[in-house]
Every structure is written in C-alpha cells, then in structure tokens.
Amino acid sequence: MSYSIDFRRKVIFTMEEEGLSIRETAKQFRIGSASVSRWINQI
C-alpha cells in the first residue's frame, strides 16, 4: 500500500511533536515501523 505524502508528513510531524519512538508512532497510526523508519530516512 502506498501512503500519501500528506499522511507521511503527519506521521513524522506527530512523532517529533509528541516525542514518540518509531515503534510508538507506528502503533498509534496502525502502520509498520519499517515504513516510519523509511520515511524518516527519506527526509
């Protein structure tokens, strides 16, 4: 599944603002932690 750029930005923004770990962020948004990690590395 491909996620929109807006969704990816929202995930990363939330992670930074709330001080969440990759794992916590992935759980909150119900996505894989590998996806979150990959998005961070792309920025």
C-alpha atoms as a PDB file:
ATOM      1  CA  MET A   1       0.000   0.000   0.000  1.00  0.00           C
ATOM      2  CA  SER A   2       1.245   3.455  -0.842  1.00  0.00           C
ATOM      3  CA  TYR A   3       0.574   6.279   1.607  1.00  0.00           C
ATOM      4  CA  SER A   4       0.060   9.880   0.556  1.00  0.00           C
ATOM      5  CA  ILE A   5       2.734  12.493   1.143  1.00  0.00           C
ATOM      6  CA  ASP A   6       0.353  14.367   3.452  1.00  0.00           C
ATOM      7  CA  PHE A   7      -0.135  11.284   5.611  1.00  0.00           C
ATOM      8  CA  ARG A   8       3.611  10.668   5.773  1.00  0.00           C
ATOM      9  CA  ARG A   9       4.219  14.260   6.846  1.00  0.00           C
ATOM     10  CA  LYS A  10       1.506  13.997   9.505  1.00  0.00           C
ATOM     11  CA  VAL A  11       3.113  10.838  10.909  1.00  0.00           C
ATOM     12  CA  ILE A  12       6.602  12.371  11.083  1.00  0.00           C
ATOM     13  CA  PHE A  13       5.278  15.664  12.485  1.00  0.00           C
ATOM     14  CA  THR A  14       3.316  13.837  15.205  1.00  0.00           C
ATOM     15  CA  MET A  15       6.334  11.732  16.074  1.00  0.00           C
ATOM     16  CA  GLU A  16       8.528  14.798  16.517  1.00  0.00           C
ATOM     17  CA  GLU A  17       5.941  16.907  18.339  1.00  0.00           C
ATOM     18  CA  GLU A  18       4.966  14.198  20.826  1.00  0.00           C
ATOM     19  CA  GLY A  19       8.464  12.787  21.237  1.00  0.00           C
ATOM     20  CA  LEU A  20       7.363   9.294  20.256  1.00  0.00           C
ATOM     21  CA  SER A  21       9.601   6.445  19.217  1.00  0.00           C
ATOM     22  CA  ILE A  22       9.278   4.885  15.774  1.00  0.00           C
ATOM     23  CA  ARG A  23       7.536   1.916  17.302  1.00  0.00           C
ATOM     24  CA  GLU A  24       5.071   4.041  19.298  1.00  0.00           C
ATOM     25  CA  THR A  25       4.302   6.148  16.237  1.00  0.00           C
ATOM     26  CA  ALA A  26       3.693   3.100  14.078  1.00  0.00           C
ATOM     27  CA  LYS A  27       1.352   1.642  16.679  1.00  0.00           C
ATOM     28  CA  GLN A  28      -0.588   4.903  17.002  1.00  0.00           C
ATOM     29  CA  PHE A  29      -1.159   5.145  13.243  1.00  0.00           C
ATOM     30  CA  ARG A  30      -1.527   1.377  12.745  1.00  0.00           C
ATOM     31  CA  ILE A  31       1.265   1.125  10.203  1.00  0.00           C
ATOM     32  CA  GLY A  32       4.531  -0.785  10.093  1.00  0.00           C
ATOM     33  CA  SER A  33       7.512   0.563  11.972  1.00  0.00           C
ATOM     34  CA  ALA A  34       9.659  -0.122   8.886  1.00  0.00           C
ATOM     35  CA  SER A  35       7.525   2.366   6.942  1.00  0.00           C
ATOM     36  CA  VAL A  36       8.030   5.066   9.560  1.00  0.00           C
ATOM     37  CA  SER A  37      11.754   4.388   9.638  1.00  0.00           C
ATOM     38  CA  ARG A  38      11.986   4.555   5.851  1.00  0.00           C
ATOM     39  CA  TRP A  39      10.091   7.857   5.722  1.00  0.00           C
ATOM     40  CA  ILE A  40      12.446   9.385   8.292  1.00  0.00           C
ATOM     41  CA  ASN A  41      15.465   8.315   6.263  1.00  0.00           C
ATOM     42  CA  GLN A  42      13.991   9.816   3.089  1.00  0.00           C
ATOM     43  CA  ILE A  43      13.778  13.259   4.649  1.00  0.00           C
END
